[in-house]
Amino acid sequence: MSTKRLDVVTFGETMVLMNPDQALPLDYATSFQKQIGGAESNFSVALSRLGHRCGWISQLGDDPFGYYIQRTVRGEGVDTTGVSFTDAAPTGLFFKERRYGDKMNVYYYRHHSAASYMSKDNLDEDYLTSARYLFFSGITPAISKSCKELTFEAVRIAKKNQMPIIFDTNIRKKLWNSEEEMRDVLNKLAADADYILPGQEEGKALIGTDDPEKIAAFYLEQNPNAVVIVKLGEKGCYYAAKEENGFVKGYKAEKVVDPVGAGDGFAAGFVSGLVKGISLLESLKIANLVGAITVQAGGDVEGYPREKELQGMLQAFENPNQEEVNR
């Protein structure tokens, strides 16, 4: 049993999500559900539902939206000790637009948000190192210069304290000043990570290829001791480490309702396996299944499974005829 207070700690921006009830152009939508969305809080909620202790560091506006986000995340069992409030800037906001099928547009109102003013001062080294693992995404360093400095400082602290680092590249091109800066910053962060989780298209943006094996080879050349996991959507994932590699087949979702948040769920499923100490291959099976479950519900966090539900679905997939045998 670990003596650490938390299994994982993470940091990043969460916004209020206005999710339309109608599949219409946003200028015609008239009613919305108020929800929350943000890669790191999505990850935290998903990990908490799988029975793990996760801490989330962020900054929210001292406003009703900020209170709503903190209450929601804390209510999911995530530790919000590292969350601060400011009256100098508002909580961020974004809207989804569903036009047809599972196609979705997202409109952000996060410029000069409360979270964009986070800095190294938001990090408490004792709190950060109270966790076994550090997780972060490529969104936070793109939000602002001070958030980029915060990200590199968190990595420095983790490395100094020999904390394993998990990095989900999670590209948002609109947040970067240039693609050159994006590639430079994210590839530097990847070089310091122990576990690197790029998507196939993110690999193309960062190193110029969407070939999973070439993406993994690039990052292993930077850090031979790393584990690289390339997310392939419904096809599953490809993984590579110093002594093993291979493809892990995905699980087909019965119906895709909302694809946003699936990658964060995938990351949480994988990290759940790490925390439990199970094999890399089994951890990735969990990751694939969490991702497939997530897309079948509306909203960023609503579809994440609880541990009992996940284990039942894993058994059903692994032993499809078990129900017949038990009759």
Protein backbone atom coordinates (compact mmCIF):
# COMPACT_ATOMS: atom_id res chain seq x y z
CA MET A 1 0.00 0.00 0.00
CA SER A 2 1.46 3.36 -1.02
CA THR A 3 2.09 5.91 1.73
CA LYS A 4 1.45 8.71 -0.77
CA ARG A 5 -1.64 10.81 -0.11
CA LEU A 6 -2.70 10.79 -3.77
CA ASP A 7 -2.27 8.36 -6.63
CA VAL A 8 -2.06 11.08 -9.29
CA VAL A 9 -1.95 14.88 -9.39
CA THR A 10 -2.72 17.02 -12.43
CA PHE A 11 -3.27 20.66 -13.36
CA GLY A 12 -5.14 22.61 -16.02
CA GLU A 13 -8.14 24.70 -17.00
CA THR A 14 -11.76 23.65 -16.70
CA MET A 15 -14.59 25.64 -18.24
CA VAL A 16 -18.35 25.66 -18.06
CA LEU A 17 -19.75 23.82 -21.06
CA MET A 18 -23.00 24.94 -22.65
CA ASN A 19 -24.26 21.87 -24.50
CA PRO A 20 -27.23 22.49 -26.84
CA ASP A 21 -30.31 20.32 -26.64
CA GLN A 22 -30.82 20.58 -30.40
CA ALA A 23 -28.66 19.34 -33.28
CA LEU A 24 -28.73 22.75 -34.97
CA PRO A 25 -26.30 25.48 -36.02
CA LEU A 26 -25.39 27.32 -32.82
CA ASP A 27 -27.03 30.54 -33.96
CA TYR A 28 -30.36 28.68 -34.07
CA ALA A 29 -29.98 26.70 -30.81
CA THR A 30 -32.15 28.09 -28.01
CA SER A 31 -31.74 25.76 -25.02
CA PHE A 32 -28.61 24.34 -23.41
CA GLN A 33 -27.47 22.02 -20.62
CA LYS A 34 -24.86 23.46 -18.27
CA GLN A 35 -21.98 21.00 -17.80
CA ILE A 36 -18.21 21.14 -17.26
CA GLY A 37 -15.29 20.35 -19.54
CA GLY A 38 -11.51 20.42 -19.36
CA ALA A 39 -8.98 17.74 -20.22
CA GLU A 40 -7.38 17.44 -16.80
CA SER A 41 -10.59 17.58 -14.76
CA ASN A 42 -12.13 15.09 -17.21
CA PHE A 43 -9.17 12.81 -16.52
CA SER A 44 -9.47 13.38 -12.77
CA VAL A 45 -13.17 12.53 -12.68
CA ALA A 46 -12.66 9.42 -14.81
CA LEU A 47 -9.82 8.24 -12.58
CA SER A 48 -11.80 8.93 -9.40
CA ARG A 49 -14.73 6.87 -10.70
CA LEU A 50 -12.29 3.99 -11.17
CA GLY A 51 -11.52 4.14 -7.46
CA HIS A 52 -8.31 6.18 -7.39
CA ARG A 53 -7.22 9.26 -5.44
CA CYS A 54 -6.60 12.17 -7.80
CA GLY A 55 -5.73 15.80 -7.07
CA TRP A 56 -6.51 18.63 -9.50
CA ILE A 57 -4.75 22.03 -9.47
CA SER A 58 -6.45 24.94 -11.21
CA GLN A 59 -7.62 28.54 -10.93
CA LEU A 60 -11.26 29.56 -11.30
CA GLY A 61 -13.06 32.85 -11.38
CA ASP A 62 -14.60 34.02 -8.11
CA ASP A 63 -17.99 33.75 -9.78
CA PRO A 64 -20.98 31.38 -10.00
CA PHE A 65 -19.40 29.35 -12.83
CA GLY A 66 -16.22 28.88 -10.79
CA TYR A 67 -18.19 27.69 -7.74
CA TYR A 68 -20.17 25.31 -9.95
CA ILE A 69 -17.01 23.75 -11.42
CA GLN A 70 -15.30 23.25 -8.06
CA ARG A 71 -18.44 21.79 -6.50
CA THR A 72 -18.93 19.42 -9.43
CA VAL A 73 -15.34 18.17 -9.53
CA ARG A 74 -15.11 17.84 -5.75
CA GLY A 75 -18.44 16.01 -5.75
CA GLU A 76 -16.89 13.37 -8.02
CA GLY A 77 -14.34 12.58 -5.31
CA VAL A 78 -11.44 14.59 -6.76
CA ASP A 79 -9.21 16.46 -4.29
CA THR A 80 -9.53 20.21 -5.00
CA THR A 81 -7.10 21.45 -2.34
CA GLY A 82 -4.97 22.92 -5.14
CA VAL A 83 -7.80 24.96 -6.67
CA SER A 84 -7.73 28.74 -6.12
CA PHE A 85 -10.17 31.52 -6.99
CA THR A 86 -9.51 35.00 -8.38
CA ASP A 87 -11.72 38.03 -8.88
CA ALA A 88 -9.30 39.42 -11.49
CA ALA A 89 -10.66 37.29 -14.37
CA PRO A 90 -13.74 35.17 -15.12
CA THR A 91 -14.13 31.42 -15.39
CA GLY A 92 -13.78 30.18 -18.98
CA LEU A 93 -16.76 29.13 -21.07
CA PHE A 94 -17.30 27.06 -24.20
CA PHE A 95 -20.15 25.93 -26.41
CA LYS A 96 -20.60 22.74 -28.39
CA GLU A 97 -22.43 22.66 -31.71
CA ARG A 98 -23.92 19.43 -33.02
CA ARG A 99 -24.77 19.65 -36.69
CA TYR A 100 -25.29 16.05 -37.82
CA GLY A 101 -24.28 12.55 -36.70
CA ASP A 102 -21.34 12.67 -34.31
CA LYS A 103 -19.80 15.71 -35.99
CA MET A 104 -19.24 18.49 -33.51
CA ASN A 105 -17.82 22.01 -33.45
CA VAL A 106 -16.51 23.69 -30.31
CA TYR A 107 -16.39 27.43 -29.62
CA TYR A 108 -14.16 28.64 -26.77
CA TYR A 109 -14.45 31.81 -24.69
CA ARG A 110 -11.31 31.35 -22.63
CA HIS A 111 -9.05 34.26 -23.62
CA HIS A 112 -7.92 36.03 -20.42
CA SER A 113 -9.81 33.49 -18.31
CA ALA A 114 -8.97 32.92 -14.65
CA ALA A 115 -6.98 29.79 -15.49
CA SER A 116 -4.89 31.61 -18.09
CA TYR A 117 -3.38 33.63 -15.24
CA MET A 118 -2.09 30.56 -13.42
CA SER A 119 1.65 30.66 -12.81
CA LYS A 120 4.38 28.82 -10.96
CA ASP A 121 2.96 30.37 -7.78
CA ASN A 122 -0.02 28.03 -8.12
CA LEU A 123 2.24 25.05 -7.47
CA ASP A 124 2.85 23.79 -3.95
CA GLU A 125 5.75 21.36 -4.13
CA ASP A 126 4.62 19.43 -1.07
CA TYR A 127 1.15 18.96 -2.53
CA LEU A 128 2.48 18.05 -5.98
CA THR A 129 4.84 15.43 -4.59
CA SER A 130 2.17 13.94 -2.33
CA ALA A 131 1.14 11.92 -5.41
CA ARG A 132 2.72 8.86 -6.99
CA TYR A 133 2.36 10.15 -10.56
CA LEU A 134 2.15 13.52 -12.34
CA PHE A 135 -0.26 13.77 -15.28
CA PHE A 136 -0.68 16.75 -17.60
CA SER A 137 -1.72 17.57 -21.14
CA GLY A 138 -0.43 19.74 -23.96
CA ILE A 139 -3.36 22.14 -23.52
CA THR A 140 -2.07 23.89 -20.38
CA PRO A 141 1.22 25.22 -21.84
CA ALA A 142 -0.74 26.61 -24.81
CA ILE A 143 -3.11 28.73 -22.71
CA SER A 144 -0.62 31.48 -21.80
CA LYS A 145 3.06 32.21 -21.20
CA SER A 146 2.62 31.87 -17.43
CA CYS A 147 0.83 28.52 -17.86
CA LYS A 148 3.70 27.31 -20.02
CA GLU A 149 6.14 28.28 -17.26
CA LEU A 150 3.94 26.49 -14.72
CA THR A 151 4.02 23.32 -16.83
CA PHE A 152 7.80 23.24 -17.12
CA GLU A 153 8.12 23.96 -13.39
CA ALA A 154 5.81 21.05 -12.53
CA VAL A 155 7.92 18.77 -14.72
CA ARG A 156 11.11 20.04 -13.03
CA ILE A 157 9.69 19.34 -9.57
CA ALA A 158 8.51 15.88 -10.58
CA LYS A 159 11.87 14.93 -12.06
CA LYS A 160 13.72 16.25 -9.00
CA ASN A 161 11.53 14.05 -6.82
CA GLN A 162 11.68 11.04 -9.19
CA MET A 163 7.93 11.11 -9.82
CA PRO A 164 6.91 9.29 -13.02
CA ILE A 165 5.45 11.75 -15.54
CA ILE A 166 2.52 10.96 -17.85
CA PHE A 167 2.06 13.37 -20.78
CA ASP A 168 -0.97 13.45 -23.07
CA THR A 169 -0.03 15.71 -26.01
CA ASN A 170 -3.69 16.77 -26.53
CA ILE A 171 -3.16 19.43 -29.21
CA ARG A 172 -5.36 22.54 -29.53
CA LYS A 173 -3.84 24.36 -32.50
CA LYS A 174 -6.00 27.46 -32.05
CA LEU A 175 -4.35 28.15 -28.68
CA TRP A 176 -0.80 28.30 -30.03
CA ASN A 177 0.87 31.37 -31.53
CA SER A 178 2.45 29.17 -34.21
CA GLU A 179 2.78 25.52 -35.13
CA GLU A 180 6.56 25.86 -34.77
CA GLU A 181 6.18 26.92 -31.14
CA MET A 182 3.67 24.12 -30.56
CA ARG A 183 6.05 21.46 -31.90
CA ASP A 184 9.03 22.86 -29.99
CA VAL A 185 7.26 23.06 -26.61
CA LEU A 186 5.35 19.79 -26.78
CA ASN A 187 8.30 17.75 -28.02
CA LYS A 188 10.48 19.18 -25.25
CA LEU A 189 7.89 18.18 -22.68
CA ALA A 190 7.59 14.73 -24.23
CA ALA A 191 11.35 14.23 -23.93
CA ASP A 192 11.04 14.52 -20.13
CA ALA A 193 8.01 12.25 -19.78
CA ASP A 194 8.02 8.60 -18.77
CA TYR A 195 4.72 7.85 -20.54
CA ILE A 196 3.81 9.76 -23.72
CA LEU A 197 0.28 9.59 -25.17
CA PRO A 198 -0.02 11.21 -28.61
CA GLY A 199 -2.95 10.68 -30.93
CA GLN A 200 -2.27 9.55 -34.48
CA GLU A 201 -3.12 12.96 -35.96
CA GLU A 202 -1.17 14.68 -33.20
CA GLY A 203 1.87 12.69 -34.22
CA LYS A 204 1.45 14.04 -37.74
CA ALA A 205 1.29 17.61 -36.41
CA LEU A 206 4.29 17.18 -34.11
CA ILE A 207 6.71 15.09 -36.15
CA GLY A 208 5.22 14.91 -39.65
CA THR A 209 3.91 11.35 -39.78
CA ASP A 210 0.76 9.52 -38.72
CA ASP A 211 2.46 6.11 -38.82
CA PRO A 212 2.10 4.82 -35.21
CA GLU A 213 5.37 2.91 -35.27
CA LYS A 214 7.32 5.92 -36.57
CA ILE A 215 5.71 8.20 -33.99
CA ALA A 216 6.73 5.83 -31.21
CA ALA A 217 10.23 5.44 -32.62
CA PHE A 218 10.72 9.23 -32.66
CA TYR A 219 9.88 9.64 -28.98
CA LEU A 220 11.83 6.54 -27.94
CA GLU A 221 14.87 8.00 -29.67
CA GLN A 222 14.48 11.08 -27.43
CA ASN A 223 14.00 8.94 -24.33
CA PRO A 224 14.78 5.21 -24.69
CA ASN A 225 13.31 4.45 -21.25
CA ALA A 226 9.89 5.91 -22.05
CA VAL A 227 6.68 4.13 -22.95
CA VAL A 228 4.89 5.61 -25.98
CA ILE A 229 1.20 4.94 -26.58
CA VAL A 230 -0.30 6.14 -29.85
CA LYS A 231 -4.09 6.48 -29.69
CA LEU A 232 -5.87 5.18 -32.81
CA GLY A 233 -9.50 5.97 -31.97
CA GLU A 234 -11.91 3.07 -32.40
CA LYS A 235 -9.06 0.95 -33.79
CA GLY A 236 -7.40 0.91 -30.37
CA CYS A 237 -3.78 1.90 -29.85
CA TYR A 238 -0.16 1.06 -30.59
CA TYR A 239 2.41 0.92 -27.81
CA ALA A 240 6.19 0.71 -27.77
CA ALA A 241 8.76 0.46 -25.01
CA LYS A 242 12.38 -0.64 -24.86
CA GLU A 243 11.57 -4.36 -24.83
CA GLU A 244 8.03 -4.68 -26.17
CA ASN A 245 5.61 -3.19 -28.68
CA GLY A 246 2.38 -4.01 -30.45
CA PHE A 247 -1.16 -3.05 -31.37
CA VAL A 248 -4.05 -3.38 -28.91
CA LYS A 249 -7.44 -3.77 -30.56
CA GLY A 250 -10.15 -1.27 -29.65
CA TYR A 251 -13.77 -1.84 -28.64
CA LYS A 252 -16.53 -0.69 -30.96
CA ALA A 253 -19.03 1.75 -29.46
CA GLU A 254 -22.64 0.82 -30.15
CA LYS A 255 -23.50 4.46 -30.81
CA VAL A 256 -21.33 7.58 -30.79
CA VAL A 257 -23.19 10.40 -29.02
CA ASP A 258 -20.32 12.74 -28.10
CA PRO A 259 -16.65 12.01 -28.93
CA VAL A 260 -15.25 14.79 -26.69
CA GLY A 261 -13.60 13.44 -23.55
CA ALA A 262 -12.82 10.00 -24.97
CA GLY A 263 -9.07 10.65 -25.04
CA ASP A 264 -9.13 11.81 -21.42
CA GLY A 265 -11.04 8.66 -20.49
CA PHE A 266 -8.48 6.56 -22.38
CA ALA A 267 -5.69 8.22 -20.37
CA ALA A 268 -7.53 7.59 -17.10
CA GLY A 269 -8.08 3.93 -17.96
CA PHE A 270 -4.39 3.50 -18.74
CA VAL A 271 -3.25 5.30 -15.58
CA SER A 272 -5.67 3.22 -13.53
CA GLY A 273 -3.76 0.17 -14.71
CA LEU A 274 -0.44 1.80 -13.80
CA VAL A 275 -1.63 2.60 -10.30
CA LYS A 276 -2.87 -0.98 -9.83
CA GLY A 277 0.45 -2.35 -11.06
CA ILE A 278 -1.06 -4.54 -13.77
CA SER A 279 0.65 -5.24 -17.09
CA LEU A 280 1.01 -2.66 -19.84
CA LEU A 281 -1.14 -4.74 -22.19
CA GLU A 282 -3.98 -5.13 -19.68
CA SER A 283 -3.80 -1.42 -18.83
CA LEU A 284 -4.25 -0.56 -22.49
CA LYS A 285 -7.25 -2.87 -22.83
CA ILE A 286 -8.85 -0.92 -19.99
CA ALA A 287 -7.91 2.36 -21.67
CA ASN A 288 -9.52 1.32 -24.96
CA LEU A 289 -12.72 0.22 -23.24
CA VAL A 290 -13.07 3.41 -21.17
CA GLY A 291 -12.68 5.44 -24.35
CA ALA A 292 -15.38 3.40 -26.12
CA ILE A 293 -17.79 3.72 -23.18
CA THR A 294 -17.24 7.48 -22.90
CA VAL A 295 -18.41 8.41 -26.41
CA GLN A 296 -21.84 6.86 -25.82
CA ALA A 297 -23.02 9.66 -23.47
CA GLY A 298 -23.43 13.40 -23.97
CA GLY A 299 -21.03 15.77 -22.19
CA ASP A 300 -17.33 15.52 -21.35
CA VAL A 301 -17.52 13.54 -18.07
CA GLU A 302 -21.00 12.03 -17.90
CA GLY A 303 -20.08 8.80 -19.69
CA TYR A 304 -17.09 7.72 -17.60
CA PRO A 305 -17.69 4.28 -16.05
CA ARG A 306 -17.29 3.24 -12.44
CA GLU A 307 -14.95 0.39 -11.56
CA LYS A 308 -17.66 -2.24 -11.08
CA GLU A 309 -19.29 -1.37 -14.41
CA LEU A 310 -15.94 -1.43 -16.20
CA GLN A 311 -14.95 -4.83 -14.81
CA GLY A 312 -18.32 -6.27 -15.82
CA MET A 313 -17.90 -5.03 -19.37
CA LEU A 314 -14.32 -6.31 -19.56
CA GLN A 315 -15.50 -9.78 -18.50
CA ALA A 316 -18.32 -9.66 -21.04
CA PHE A 317 -15.89 -8.83 -23.85
CA GLU A 318 -13.28 -11.35 -22.75
CA ASN A 319 -15.86 -14.15 -22.20
CA PRO A 320 -18.75 -13.40 -24.60
CA ASN A 321 -20.35 -16.83 -24.06
CA GLN A 322 -20.07 -16.83 -20.26
CA GLU A 323 -23.72 -15.87 -19.81
CA GLU A 324 -24.78 -18.92 -21.80
CA VAL A 325 -22.48 -21.15 -19.74
CA ASN A 326 -23.94 -19.84 -16.47
CA ARG A 327 -27.51 -20.63 -17.46
